[in-house]
N, C-alpha and C. Protein backbone atom coordinates (compact mmCIF):
# COMPACT_ATOMS: atom_id res chain seq x y z
N PHE A 1 -25.28 -29.95 -27.30
CA PHE A 1 -24.13 -28.98 -26.96
C PHE A 1 -23.18 -29.84 -26.20
N ALA A 2 -22.05 -30.14 -26.80
CA ALA A 2 -21.03 -30.81 -26.17
C ALA A 2 -20.07 -29.88 -25.46
N PRO A 3 -19.50 -30.29 -24.41
CA PRO A 3 -18.58 -29.52 -23.76
C PRO A 3 -17.30 -29.30 -24.58
N ASP A 4 -16.52 -28.24 -24.30
CA ASP A 4 -15.32 -28.00 -24.92
C ASP A 4 -14.30 -29.13 -24.79
N LYS A 5 -13.40 -29.20 -25.74
CA LYS A 5 -12.26 -30.14 -25.60
C LYS A 5 -11.52 -29.92 -24.34
N GLY A 6 -10.85 -30.95 -23.72
CA GLY A 6 -10.12 -30.75 -22.55
C GLY A 6 -9.06 -29.76 -22.72
N SER A 7 -8.41 -29.77 -23.88
CA SER A 7 -7.32 -28.66 -23.96
C SER A 7 -7.76 -27.17 -23.91
N ASP A 8 -8.98 -27.07 -24.48
CA ASP A 8 -9.69 -25.72 -24.55
C ASP A 8 -10.05 -25.41 -23.21
N THR A 9 -10.64 -26.35 -22.49
CA THR A 9 -11.04 -26.03 -20.99
C THR A 9 -9.84 -25.73 -20.18
N ARG A 10 -8.72 -26.49 -20.33
CA ARG A 10 -7.47 -26.23 -19.53
C ARG A 10 -7.00 -24.72 -19.91
N ASP A 11 -6.96 -24.38 -21.25
CA ASP A 11 -6.51 -23.08 -21.60
C ASP A 11 -7.38 -21.95 -20.94
N LYS A 12 -8.78 -22.12 -20.95
CA LYS A 12 -9.65 -21.15 -20.33
C LYS A 12 -9.41 -21.04 -18.94
N LEU A 13 -9.30 -22.23 -18.29
CA LEU A 13 -8.93 -22.20 -16.89
C LEU A 13 -7.51 -21.49 -16.50
N GLY A 14 -6.61 -21.86 -17.29
CA GLY A 14 -5.25 -21.28 -17.21
C GLY A 14 -5.35 -19.74 -17.27
N GLN A 15 -5.98 -19.27 -18.30
CA GLN A 15 -6.18 -17.82 -18.44
C GLN A 15 -6.89 -17.23 -17.30
N SER A 16 -7.97 -17.77 -16.88
CA SER A 16 -8.66 -17.25 -15.77
C SER A 16 -7.98 -17.14 -14.50
N LEU A 17 -7.10 -18.27 -14.25
CA LEU A 17 -6.26 -18.16 -13.09
C LEU A 17 -5.02 -17.04 -13.24
N LYS A 18 -4.60 -16.86 -14.46
CA LYS A 18 -3.62 -15.86 -14.69
C LYS A 18 -4.09 -14.53 -14.44
N ASP A 19 -5.42 -14.21 -14.94
CA ASP A 19 -6.11 -13.01 -14.81
C ASP A 19 -6.38 -12.86 -13.19
N PHE A 20 -6.74 -13.80 -12.60
CA PHE A 20 -7.02 -13.65 -11.14
C PHE A 20 -5.70 -13.38 -10.34
N GLY A 21 -4.64 -13.97 -10.75
CA GLY A 21 -3.30 -13.60 -10.04
C GLY A 21 -2.86 -12.25 -10.43
N ASP A 22 -3.16 -11.80 -11.69
CA ASP A 22 -2.83 -10.29 -11.97
C ASP A 22 -3.74 -9.33 -11.22
N SER A 23 -4.96 -9.71 -11.00
CA SER A 23 -5.85 -8.87 -10.18
C SER A 23 -5.24 -8.71 -8.72
N ILE A 24 -4.88 -9.86 -8.14
CA ILE A 24 -4.33 -9.98 -6.73
C ILE A 24 -3.14 -9.08 -6.65
N LYS A 25 -2.20 -9.29 -7.73
CA LYS A 25 -0.97 -8.45 -7.68
C LYS A 25 -1.29 -6.96 -7.74
N ASP A 26 -2.28 -6.54 -8.59
CA ASP A 26 -2.65 -5.12 -8.66
C ASP A 26 -3.14 -4.55 -7.43
N ARG A 27 -4.09 -5.36 -6.85
CA ARG A 27 -4.76 -4.98 -5.54
C ARG A 27 -3.63 -4.84 -4.44
N ALA A 28 -2.62 -5.75 -4.36
CA ALA A 28 -1.58 -5.79 -3.36
C ALA A 28 -0.69 -4.55 -3.66
N ALA A 29 -0.43 -4.26 -4.96
CA ALA A 29 0.47 -3.08 -5.10
C ALA A 29 -0.32 -1.73 -4.73
N ASP A 30 -1.57 -1.70 -4.98
CA ASP A 30 -2.41 -0.55 -4.51
C ASP A 30 -2.30 -0.47 -3.00
N GLU A 31 -2.57 -1.54 -2.33
CA GLU A 31 -2.55 -1.36 -0.85
C GLU A 31 -1.17 -1.13 -0.29
N ILE A 32 -0.14 -1.49 -0.92
CA ILE A 32 1.20 -1.24 -0.54
C ILE A 32 1.45 0.32 -0.67
N ASN A 33 1.10 0.91 -1.93
CA ASN A 33 1.12 2.18 -2.03
C ASN A 33 0.24 2.95 -1.11
N ASN A 34 -0.82 2.60 -0.67
CA ASN A 34 -1.69 3.29 0.30
C ASN A 34 -1.03 3.36 1.70
N LEU A 35 -0.46 2.18 2.03
CA LEU A 35 0.32 2.07 3.32
C LEU A 35 1.50 2.92 3.38
N SER A 36 2.19 2.92 2.21
CA SER A 36 3.43 3.84 2.16
C SER A 36 3.13 5.20 2.22
N SER A 37 1.95 5.70 1.73
CA SER A 37 1.46 7.11 1.84
C SER A 37 0.99 7.41 3.21
N LEU A 38 0.26 6.41 3.85
CA LEU A 38 -0.02 6.59 5.26
C LEU A 38 1.19 6.69 6.26
N LYS A 39 2.22 5.87 6.00
CA LYS A 39 3.46 5.88 6.70
C LYS A 39 4.09 7.37 6.59
N ASP A 40 4.14 7.86 5.30
CA ASP A 40 4.65 9.11 5.22
C ASP A 40 3.98 10.22 6.01
N LYS A 41 2.71 10.12 5.89
CA LYS A 41 1.79 11.17 6.70
C LYS A 41 2.07 11.08 8.22
N VAL A 42 2.25 9.82 8.68
CA VAL A 42 2.44 9.61 10.10
C VAL A 42 3.81 10.21 10.40
N VAL A 43 4.78 9.82 9.63
CA VAL A 43 6.15 10.25 9.98
C VAL A 43 6.31 11.72 9.83
N ASN A 44 5.68 12.42 8.82
CA ASN A 44 5.71 13.88 8.82
C ASN A 44 5.02 14.46 9.97
N SER A 45 3.82 13.89 10.39
CA SER A 45 3.09 14.44 11.46
C SER A 45 4.01 14.28 12.80
N ILE A 46 4.59 13.25 13.05
CA ILE A 46 5.44 13.06 14.18
C ILE A 46 6.63 14.03 14.15
N LYS A 47 7.31 14.15 13.08
CA LYS A 47 8.31 15.21 12.86
C LYS A 47 8.00 16.48 13.13
N GLY A 48 6.68 16.87 12.69
CA GLY A 48 6.34 18.27 13.03
C GLY A 48 5.97 18.53 14.38
N LYS A 49 5.39 17.44 15.09
CA LYS A 49 5.08 17.58 16.57
C LYS A 49 6.50 17.54 17.34
N LEU A 50 7.46 16.89 16.85
CA LEU A 50 8.78 16.94 17.56
C LEU A 50 9.42 18.30 17.42
N ARG A 51 9.34 18.91 16.14
CA ARG A 51 9.86 20.12 15.92
C ARG A 51 9.19 21.25 16.95
N ASP A 52 7.84 21.07 17.10
CA ASP A 52 7.11 22.04 17.87
C ASP A 52 7.62 21.91 19.41
N VAL A 53 7.78 20.66 19.85
CA VAL A 53 8.21 20.48 21.22
C VAL A 53 9.70 20.89 21.39
N GLU A 54 10.47 20.76 20.39
CA GLU A 54 11.89 21.19 20.38
C GLU A 54 11.86 22.71 20.45
N GLN A 55 10.99 23.39 19.71
CA GLN A 55 10.89 24.79 19.76
C GLN A 55 10.49 25.22 21.07
N GLU A 56 9.49 24.70 21.64
CA GLU A 56 8.94 25.13 22.99
C GLU A 56 10.00 24.88 24.02
N TYR A 57 10.72 23.77 23.93
CA TYR A 57 11.87 23.55 25.00
C TYR A 57 12.98 24.56 24.63
N SER A 58 13.28 24.87 23.53
CA SER A 58 14.32 25.89 23.15
C SER A 58 13.95 27.32 23.85
N ASP A 59 12.59 27.58 23.59
CA ASP A 59 12.15 28.96 24.05
C ASP A 59 12.18 29.02 25.52
N GLU A 60 11.81 27.92 26.17
CA GLU A 60 11.90 27.79 27.71
C GLU A 60 13.42 27.90 28.19
N VAL A 61 14.24 27.33 27.60
CA VAL A 61 15.71 27.32 28.01
C VAL A 61 16.06 28.65 27.80
N GLU A 62 15.87 29.37 26.76
CA GLU A 62 16.18 30.92 26.56
C GLU A 62 15.75 31.71 27.65
N HIS A 63 14.67 31.50 28.12
CA HIS A 63 13.92 32.32 29.29
C HIS A 63 14.49 31.97 30.63
N VAL A 64 15.43 31.12 30.79
CA VAL A 64 15.89 30.67 32.20
C VAL A 64 17.00 31.43 32.50
């Protein structure tokens, strides 16, 4: 059993590296989407809390 020709080995290695690079890009894109979703949740939560505080303040001012 002889090893593959050098060109075949380089082609296989090149394809493996391309597949690995594509896998990294896909994982990075997934993580970016996850972080973006988390950011949106945090921003919405903070905005909701600010609206609550603003409403409480507004209610207090009306009763003064």
